[in-house]
């Protein structure tokens, strides 16, 4: 059940980050990938700050913030090329 929940949170987080950063989503698989990678990045950022998520809403917030950071970094890289 944890894996499925991670995919659902990842998909939602990727969709929200897509809306925030460029005005659209990336399709269901793209949203899941962006959200799951974003969740990893978000957990790293929050761990460095001494914070953590202990429920579903907190996990979603961390994943969205991480996904936004991921998309921001990708946009910086794309600009340079």
PDB file of N, CA and C in Angstrom:
ATOM      1  N   UNK A   1       0.818  -1.201   0.000  1.00  0.00           N
ATOM      2  CA  UNK A   1       0.000   0.000   0.000  1.00  0.00           C
ATOM      3  C   UNK A   1       0.860   1.263   0.000  1.00  0.00           C
ATOM      4  N   UNK A   2       2.023   1.240   0.639  1.00  0.00           N
ATOM      5  CA  UNK A   2       2.892   2.406   0.692  1.00  0.00           C
ATOM      6  C   UNK A   2       3.396   2.816  -0.677  1.00  0.00           C
ATOM      7  N   UNK A   3       3.694   1.835  -1.534  1.00  0.00           N
ATOM      8  CA  UNK A   3       4.184   2.121  -2.879  1.00  0.00           C
ATOM      9  C   UNK A   3       3.105   2.799  -3.717  1.00  0.00           C
ATOM     10  N   UNK A   4       1.900   2.297  -3.629  1.00  0.00           N
ATOM     11  CA  UNK A   4       0.781   2.883  -4.378  1.00  0.00           C
ATOM     12  C   UNK A   4       0.498   4.300  -3.882  1.00  0.00           C
ATOM     13  N   UNK A   5       0.550   4.487  -2.574  1.00  0.00           N
ATOM     14  CA  UNK A   5       0.332   5.822  -2.006  1.00  0.00           C
ATOM     15  C   UNK A   5       1.423   6.790  -2.469  1.00  0.00           C
ATOM     16  N   UNK A   6       2.662   6.308  -2.540  1.00  0.00           N
ATOM     17  CA  UNK A   6       3.763   7.149  -3.029  1.00  0.00           C
ATOM     18  C   UNK A   6       3.537   7.556  -4.482  1.00  0.00           C
ATOM     19  N   UNK A   7       3.033   6.634  -5.290  1.00  0.00           N
ATOM     20  CA  UNK A   7       2.741   6.961  -6.696  1.00  0.00           C
ATOM     21  C   UNK A   7       1.605   7.979  -6.805  1.00  0.00           C
ATOM     22  N   UNK A   8       0.601   7.824  -5.976  1.00  0.00           N
ATOM     23  CA  UNK A   8      -0.526   8.767  -5.996  1.00  0.00           C
ATOM     24  C   UNK A   8      -0.058  10.152  -5.553  1.00  0.00           C
ATOM     25  N   UNK A   9       0.681  10.213  -4.446  1.00  0.00           N
ATOM     26  CA  UNK A   9       1.201  11.503  -3.970  1.00  0.00           C
ATOM     27  C   UNK A   9       2.147  12.090  -5.006  1.00  0.00           C
ATOM     28  N   UNK A  10       2.994  11.253  -5.608  1.00  0.00           N
ATOM     29  CA  UNK A  10       3.905  11.725  -6.645  1.00  0.00           C
ATOM     30  C   UNK A  10       3.169  12.306  -7.839  1.00  0.00           C
ATOM     31  N   UNK A  11       2.117  11.631  -8.264  1.00  0.00           N
ATOM     32  CA  UNK A  11       1.329  12.130  -9.398  1.00  0.00           C
ATOM     33  C   UNK A  11       0.675  13.466  -9.099  1.00  0.00           C
ATOM     34  N   UNK A  12       0.100  13.584  -7.914  1.00  0.00           N
ATOM     35  CA  UNK A  12      -0.537  14.846  -7.522  1.00  0.00           C
ATOM     36  C   UNK A  12       0.498  15.952  -7.389  1.00  0.00           C
ATOM     37  N   UNK A  13       1.629  15.633  -6.744  1.00  0.00           N
ATOM     38  CA  UNK A  13       2.683  16.638  -6.554  1.00  0.00           C
ATOM     39  C   UNK A  13       3.252  17.086  -7.900  1.00  0.00           C
ATOM     40  N   UNK A  14       3.468  16.165  -8.810  1.00  0.00           N
ATOM     41  CA  UNK A  14       3.966  16.517 -10.139  1.00  0.00           C
ATOM     42  C   UNK A  14       2.992  17.386 -10.906  1.00  0.00           C
ATOM     43  N   UNK A  15       1.716  17.076 -10.783  1.00  0.00           N
ATOM     44  CA  UNK A  15       0.684  17.869 -11.463  1.00  0.00           C
ATOM     45  C   UNK A  15       0.644  19.291 -10.899  1.00  0.00           C
ATOM     46  N   UNK A  16       0.666  19.402  -9.565  1.00  0.00           N
ATOM     47  CA  UNK A  16       0.639  20.733  -8.937  1.00  0.00           C
ATOM     48  C   UNK A  16       1.882  21.528  -9.331  1.00  0.00           C
ATOM     49  N   UNK A  17       3.052  20.890  -9.267  1.00  0.00           N
ATOM     50  CA  UNK A  17       4.292  21.578  -9.633  1.00  0.00           C
ATOM     51  C   UNK A  17       4.271  22.009 -11.098  1.00  0.00           C
ATOM     52  N   UNK A  18       3.720  21.174 -11.963  1.00  0.00           N
ATOM     53  CA  UNK A  18       3.597  21.538 -13.375  1.00  0.00           C
ATOM     54  C   UNK A  18       2.714  22.751 -13.571  1.00  0.00           C
ATOM     55  N   UNK A  19       1.630  22.814 -12.821  1.00  0.00           N
ATOM     56  CA  UNK A  19       0.734  23.969 -12.903  1.00  0.00           C
ATOM     57  C   UNK A  19       1.426  25.232 -12.406  1.00  0.00           C
ATOM     58  N   UNK A  20       2.172  25.120 -11.308  1.00  0.00           N
ATOM     59  CA  UNK A  20       2.842  26.272 -10.725  1.00  0.00           C
ATOM     60  C   UNK A  20       3.967  26.772 -11.631  1.00  0.00           C
ATOM     61  N   UNK A  21       4.760  25.866 -12.161  1.00  0.00           N
ATOM     62  CA  UNK A  21       5.975  26.261 -12.866  1.00  0.00           C
ATOM     63  C   UNK A  21       5.780  26.601 -14.337  1.00  0.00           C
ATOM     64  N   UNK A  22       4.876  25.973 -15.016  1.00  0.00           N
ATOM     65  CA  UNK A  22       4.738  26.265 -16.439  1.00  0.00           C
ATOM     66  C   UNK A  22       3.304  26.278 -16.936  1.00  0.00           C
ATOM     67  N   UNK A  23       2.372  26.152 -16.034  1.00  0.00           N
ATOM     68  CA  UNK A  23       0.982  26.284 -16.416  1.00  0.00           C
ATOM     69  C   UNK A  23       0.323  25.023 -16.925  1.00  0.00           C
ATOM     70  N   UNK A  24       0.960  23.865 -16.849  1.00  0.00           N
ATOM     71  CA  UNK A  24       0.347  22.630 -17.314  1.00  0.00           C
ATOM     72  C   UNK A  24       1.019  21.419 -16.704  1.00  0.00           C
ATOM     73  N   UNK A  25       0.393  20.283 -16.870  1.00  0.00           N
ATOM     74  CA  UNK A  25       0.950  19.042 -16.361  1.00  0.00           C
ATOM     75  C   UNK A  25       1.844  18.376 -17.395  1.00  0.00           C
ATOM     76  N   UNK A  26       2.307  17.181 -17.075  1.00  0.00           N
ATOM     77  CA  UNK A  26       3.232  16.447 -17.944  1.00  0.00           C
ATOM     78  C   UNK A  26       2.662  15.115 -18.373  1.00  0.00           C
ATOM     79  N   UNK A  27       1.381  14.899 -18.226  1.00  0.00           N
ATOM     80  CA  UNK A  27       0.799  13.579 -18.460  1.00  0.00           C
ATOM     81  C   UNK A  27       0.945  12.761 -17.182  1.00  0.00           C
ATOM     82  N   UNK A  28       0.214  11.690 -17.084  1.00  0.00           N
ATOM     83  CA  UNK A  28       0.185  10.957 -15.825  1.00  0.00           C
ATOM     84  C   UNK A  28       1.550  10.381 -15.447  1.00  0.00           C
ATOM     85  N   UNK A  29       2.255   9.780 -16.399  1.00  0.00           N
ATOM     86  CA  UNK A  29       3.568   9.210 -16.079  1.00  0.00           C
ATOM     87  C   UNK A  29       4.590  10.293 -15.777  1.00  0.00           C
ATOM     88  N   UNK A  30       4.566  11.366 -16.543  1.00  0.00           N
ATOM     89  CA  UNK A  30       5.481  12.480 -16.299  1.00  0.00           C
ATOM     90  C   UNK A  30       5.246  13.105 -14.939  1.00  0.00           C
ATOM     91  N   UNK A  31       3.978  13.272 -14.571  1.00  0.00           N
ATOM     92  CA  UNK A  31       3.643  13.829 -13.259  1.00  0.00           C
ATOM     93  C   UNK A  31       4.154  12.934 -12.136  1.00  0.00           C
ATOM     94  N   UNK A  32       3.985  11.626 -12.304  1.00  0.00           N
ATOM     95  CA  UNK A  32       4.439  10.696 -11.270  1.00  0.00           C
ATOM     96  C   UNK A  32       5.951  10.766 -11.123  1.00  0.00           C
ATOM     97  N   UNK A  33       6.667  10.768 -12.242  1.00  0.00           N
ATOM     98  CA  UNK A  33       8.136  10.822 -12.183  1.00  0.00           C
ATOM     99  C   UNK A  33       8.602  12.122 -11.538  1.00  0.00           C
ATOM    100  N   UNK A  34       8.051  13.240 -11.994  1.00  0.00           N
ATOM    101  CA  UNK A  34       8.432  14.538 -11.423  1.00  0.00           C
ATOM    102  C   UNK A  34       8.096  14.580  -9.936  1.00  0.00           C
ATOM    103  N   UNK A  35       6.945  14.076  -9.555  1.00  0.00           N
ATOM    104  CA  UNK A  35       6.527  14.091  -8.161  1.00  0.00           C
ATOM    105  C   UNK A  35       7.368  13.195  -7.269  1.00  0.00           C
ATOM    106  N   UNK A  36       7.700  11.992  -7.755  1.00  0.00           N
ATOM    107  CA  UNK A  36       8.499  11.068  -6.938  1.00  0.00           C
ATOM    108  C   UNK A  36       9.927  11.585  -6.792  1.00  0.00           C
ATOM    109  N   UNK A  37      10.530  12.043  -7.882  1.00  0.00           N
ATOM    110  CA  UNK A  37      11.875  12.623  -7.792  1.00  0.00           C
ATOM    111  C   UNK A  37      11.830  13.883  -6.936  1.00  0.00           C
ATOM    112  N   UNK A  38      10.786  14.665  -7.101  1.00  0.00           N
ATOM    113  CA  UNK A  38      10.613  15.860  -6.282  1.00  0.00           C
ATOM    114  C   UNK A  38      10.471  15.524  -4.807  1.00  0.00           C
ATOM    115  N   UNK A  39       9.806  14.419  -4.503  1.00  0.00           N
ATOM    116  CA  UNK A  39       9.665  14.006  -3.107  1.00  0.00           C
ATOM    117  C   UNK A  39      11.025  13.680  -2.496  1.00  0.00           C
ATOM    118  N   UNK A  40      11.883  13.037  -3.269  1.00  0.00           N
ATOM    119  CA  UNK A  40      13.225  12.733  -2.778  1.00  0.00           C
ATOM    120  C   UNK A  40      13.999  14.026  -2.526  1.00  0.00           C
ATOM    121  N   UNK A  41      13.929  14.938  -3.474  1.00  0.00           N
ATOM    122  CA  UNK A  41      14.612  16.232  -3.322  1.00  0.00           C
ATOM    123  C   UNK A  41      14.028  17.001  -2.135  1.00  0.00           C
ATOM    124  N   UNK A  42      12.709  17.019  -2.027  1.00  0.00           N
ATOM    125  CA  UNK A  42      12.055  17.706  -0.920  1.00  0.00           C
ATOM    126  C   UNK A  42      12.449  17.132   0.426  1.00  0.00           C
ATOM    127  N   UNK A  43      12.527  15.810   0.524  1.00  0.00           N
ATOM    128  CA  UNK A  43      12.946  15.194   1.791  1.00  0.00           C
ATOM    129  C   UNK A  43      14.372  15.582   2.149  1.00  0.00           C
ATOM    130  N   UNK A  44      15.251  15.636   1.147  1.00  0.00           N
ATOM    131  CA  UNK A  44      16.628  16.054   1.407  1.00  0.00           C
ATOM    132  C   UNK A  44      16.678  17.492   1.915  1.00  0.00           C
ATOM    133  N   UNK A  45      15.935  18.371   1.249  1.00  0.00           N
ATOM    134  CA  UNK A  45      15.906  19.781   1.653  1.00  0.00           C
ATOM    135  C   UNK A  45      15.361  19.918   3.079  1.00  0.00           C
ATOM    136  N   UNK A  46      14.251  19.257   3.349  1.00  0.00           N
ATOM    137  CA  UNK A  46      13.637  19.379   4.669  1.00  0.00           C
ATOM    138  C   UNK A  46      14.502  18.725   5.742  1.00  0.00           C
ATOM    139  N   UNK A  47      15.206  17.649   5.419  1.00  0.00           N
ATOM    140  CA  UNK A  47      16.108  17.016   6.388  1.00  0.00           C
ATOM    141  C   UNK A  47      17.264  17.951   6.729  1.00  0.00           C
ATOM    142  N   UNK A  48      17.771  18.668   5.733  1.00  0.00           N
ATOM    143  CA  UNK A  48      18.835  19.628   5.996  1.00  0.00           C
ATOM    144  C   UNK A  48      18.358  20.759   6.907  1.00  0.00           C
ATOM    145  N   UNK A  49      17.079  21.079   6.823  1.00  0.00           N
ATOM    146  CA  UNK A  49      16.496  22.115   7.668  1.00  0.00           C
ATOM    147  C   UNK A  49      16.036  21.579   9.021  1.00  0.00           C
ATOM    148  N   UNK A  50      16.154  20.271   9.208  1.00  0.00           N
ATOM    149  CA  UNK A  50      15.733  19.656  10.453  1.00  0.00           C
ATOM    150  C   UNK A  50      14.234  19.453  10.556  1.00  0.00           C
ATOM    151  N   UNK A  51      13.564  19.424   9.420  1.00  0.00           N
ATOM    152  CA  UNK A  51      12.113  19.262   9.385  1.00  0.00           C
ATOM    153  C   UNK A  51      11.758  17.942   8.714  1.00  0.00           C
ATOM    154  N   UNK A  52      10.541  17.495   8.907  1.00  0.00           N
ATOM    155  CA  UNK A  52      10.081  16.275   8.266  1.00  0.00           C
ATOM    156  C   UNK A  52       8.579  16.279   8.097  1.00  0.00           C
ATOM    157  N   UNK A  53       8.078  15.366   7.298  1.00  0.00           N
ATOM    158  CA  UNK A  53       6.641  15.222   7.077  1.00  0.00           C
ATOM    159  C   UNK A  53       6.187  13.938   7.761  1.00  0.00           C
ATOM    160  N   UNK A  54       5.111  14.033   8.528  1.00  0.00           N
ATOM    161  CA  UNK A  54       4.666  12.877   9.296  1.00  0.00           C
ATOM    162  C   UNK A  54       3.245  12.430   8.947  1.00  0.00           C
ATOM    163  N   UNK A  55       2.668  13.000   7.899  1.00  0.00           N
ATOM    164  CA  UNK A  55       1.350  12.572   7.461  1.00  0.00           C
ATOM    165  C   UNK A  55       1.233  12.759   5.950  1.00  0.00           C
ATOM    166  N   UNK A  56       0.103  12.426   5.393  1.00  0.00           N
ATOM    167  CA  UNK A  56      -0.077  12.472   3.938  1.00  0.00           C
ATOM    168  C   UNK A  56       0.002  13.904   3.425  1.00  0.00           C
ATOM    169  N   UNK A  57      -0.621  14.845   4.099  1.00  0.00           N
ATOM    170  CA  UNK A  57      -0.604  16.239   3.655  1.00  0.00           C
ATOM    171  C   UNK A  57       0.819  16.780   3.710  1.00  0.00           C
ATOM    172  N   UNK A  58       1.532  16.486   4.786  1.00  0.00           N
ATOM    173  CA  UNK A  58       2.922  16.920   4.898  1.00  0.00           C
ATOM    174  C   UNK A  58       3.791  16.321   3.805  1.00  0.00           C
ATOM    175  N   UNK A  59       3.568  15.050   3.504  1.00  0.00           N
ATOM    176  CA  UNK A  59       4.319  14.398   2.429  1.00  0.00           C
ATOM    177  C   UNK A  59       4.030  15.044   1.085  1.00  0.00           C
ATOM    178  N   UNK A  60       2.770  15.409   0.866  1.00  0.00           N
ATOM    179  CA  UNK A  60       2.402  16.076  -0.380  1.00  0.00           C
ATOM    180  C   UNK A  60       3.065  17.440  -0.489  1.00  0.00           C
ATOM    181  N   UNK A  61       3.076  18.197   0.599  1.00  0.00           N
ATOM    182  CA  UNK A  61       3.709  19.517   0.598  1.00  0.00           C
ATOM    183  C   UNK A  61       5.205  19.395   0.310  1.00  0.00           C
ATOM    184  N   UNK A  62       5.860  18.442   0.968  1.00  0.00           N
ATOM    185  CA  UNK A  62       7.296  18.227   0.744  1.00  0.00           C
ATOM    186  C   UNK A  62       7.545  17.823  -0.707  1.00  0.00           C
ATOM    187  N   UNK A  63       6.721  16.931  -1.256  1.00  0.00           N
ATOM    188  CA  UNK A  63       6.881  16.484  -2.635  1.00  0.00           C
ATOM    189  C   UNK A  63       6.657  17.625  -3.623  1.00  0.00           C
ATOM    190  N   UNK A  64       5.666  18.464  -3.372  1.00  0.00           N
ATOM    191  CA  UNK A  64       5.394  19.592  -4.266  1.00  0.00           C
ATOM    192  C   UNK A  64       6.566  20.576  -4.248  1.00  0.00           C
ATOM    193  N   UNK A  65       7.066  20.892  -3.071  1.00  0.00           N
ATOM    194  CA  UNK A  65       8.199  21.818  -2.980  1.00  0.00           C
ATOM    195  C   UNK A  65       9.417  21.231  -3.678  1.00  0.00           C
ATOM    196  N   UNK A  66       9.676  19.951  -3.466  1.00  0.00           N
ATOM    197  CA  UNK A  66      10.793  19.295  -4.144  1.00  0.00           C
ATOM    198  C   UNK A  66      10.617  19.262  -5.650  1.00  0.00           C
ATOM    199  N   UNK A  67       9.397  19.010  -6.118  1.00  0.00           N
ATOM    200  CA  UNK A  67       9.133  18.976  -7.559  1.00  0.00           C
ATOM    201  C   UNK A  67       9.294  20.364  -8.174  1.00  0.00           C
ATOM    202  N   UNK A  68       8.882  21.398  -7.461  1.00  0.00           N
ATOM    203  CA  UNK A  68       9.071  22.765  -7.957  1.00  0.00           C
ATOM    204  C   UNK A  68      10.551  23.081  -8.059  1.00  0.00           C
ATOM    205  N   UNK A  69      11.323  22.686  -7.051  1.00  0.00           N
ATOM    206  CA  UNK A  69      12.775  22.895  -7.104  1.00  0.00           C
ATOM    207  C   UNK A  69      13.370  22.135  -8.290  1.00  0.00           C
ATOM    208  N   UNK A  70      12.929  20.887  -8.487  1.00  0.00           N
ATOM    209  CA  UNK A  70      13.413  20.091  -9.623  1.00  0.00           C
ATOM    210  C   UNK A  70      13.113  20.780 -10.948  1.00  0.00           C
ATOM    211  N   UNK A  71      11.892  21.251 -11.137  1.00  0.00           N
ATOM    212  CA  UNK A  71      11.521  21.912 -12.388  1.00  0.00           C
ATOM    213  C   UNK A  71      12.273  23.224 -12.569  1.00  0.00           C
ATOM    214  N   UNK A  72      12.528  23.932 -11.488  1.00  0.00           N
ATOM    215  CA  UNK A  72      13.293  25.171 -11.559  1.00  0.00           C
ATOM    216  C   UNK A  72      14.720  24.881 -12.019  1.00  0.00           C
ATOM    217  N   UNK A  73      15.340  23.839 -11.451  1.00  0.00           N
ATOM    218  CA  UNK A  73      16.705  23.461 -11.849  1.00  0.00           C
ATOM    219  C   UNK A  73      16.733  23.037 -13.312  1.00  0.00           C
ATOM    220  N   UNK A  74      15.745  22.261 -13.735  1.00  0.00           N
ATOM    221  CA  UNK A  74      15.680  21.839 -15.143  1.00  0.00           C
ATOM    222  C   UNK A  74      15.519  23.047 -16.053  1.00  0.00           C
ATOM    223  N   UNK A  75      14.713  24.030 -15.649  1.00  0.00           N
ATOM    224  CA  UNK A  75      14.547  25.226 -16.485  1.00  0.00           C
ATOM    225  C   UNK A  75      15.842  26.031 -16.586  1.00  0.00           C
ATOM    226  N   UNK A  76      16.616  26.059 -15.513  1.00  0.00           N
ATOM    227  CA  UNK A  76      17.912  26.739 -15.557  1.00  0.00           C
ATOM    228  C   UNK A  76      18.870  26.032 -16.514  1.00  0.00           C
ATOM    229  N   UNK A  77      18.872  24.725 -16.478  1.00  0.00           N
ATOM    230  CA  UNK A  77      19.736  23.950 -17.359  1.00  0.00           C
ATOM    231  C   UNK A  77      19.320  24.128 -18.817  1.00  0.00           C
ATOM    232  N   UNK A  78      18.014  24.117 -19.068  1.00  0.00           N
ATOM    233  CA  UNK A  78      17.521  24.296 -20.436  1.00  0.00           C
ATOM    234  C   UNK A  78      17.878  25.668 -20.987  1.00  0.00           C
ATOM    235  N   UNK A  79      17.851  26.688 -20.153  1.00  0.00           N
ATOM    236  CA  UNK A  79      18.186  28.038 -20.595  1.00  0.00           C
ATOM    237  C   UNK A  79      19.630  28.140 -21.056  1.00  0.00           C
ATOM    238  N   UNK A  80      20.514  27.417 -20.389  1.00  0.00           N
ATOM    239  CA  UNK A  80      21.944  27.494 -20.708  1.00  0.00           C
ATOM    240  C   UNK A  80      22.281  26.741 -21.976  1.00  0.00           C
ATOM    241  N   UNK A  81      21.425  25.824 -22.428  1.00  0.00           N
ATOM    242  CA  UNK A  81      21.721  25.060 -23.640  1.00  0.00           C
ATOM    243  C   UNK A  81      21.063  25.634 -24.842  1.00  0.00           C
TER     244      UNK A  81
END
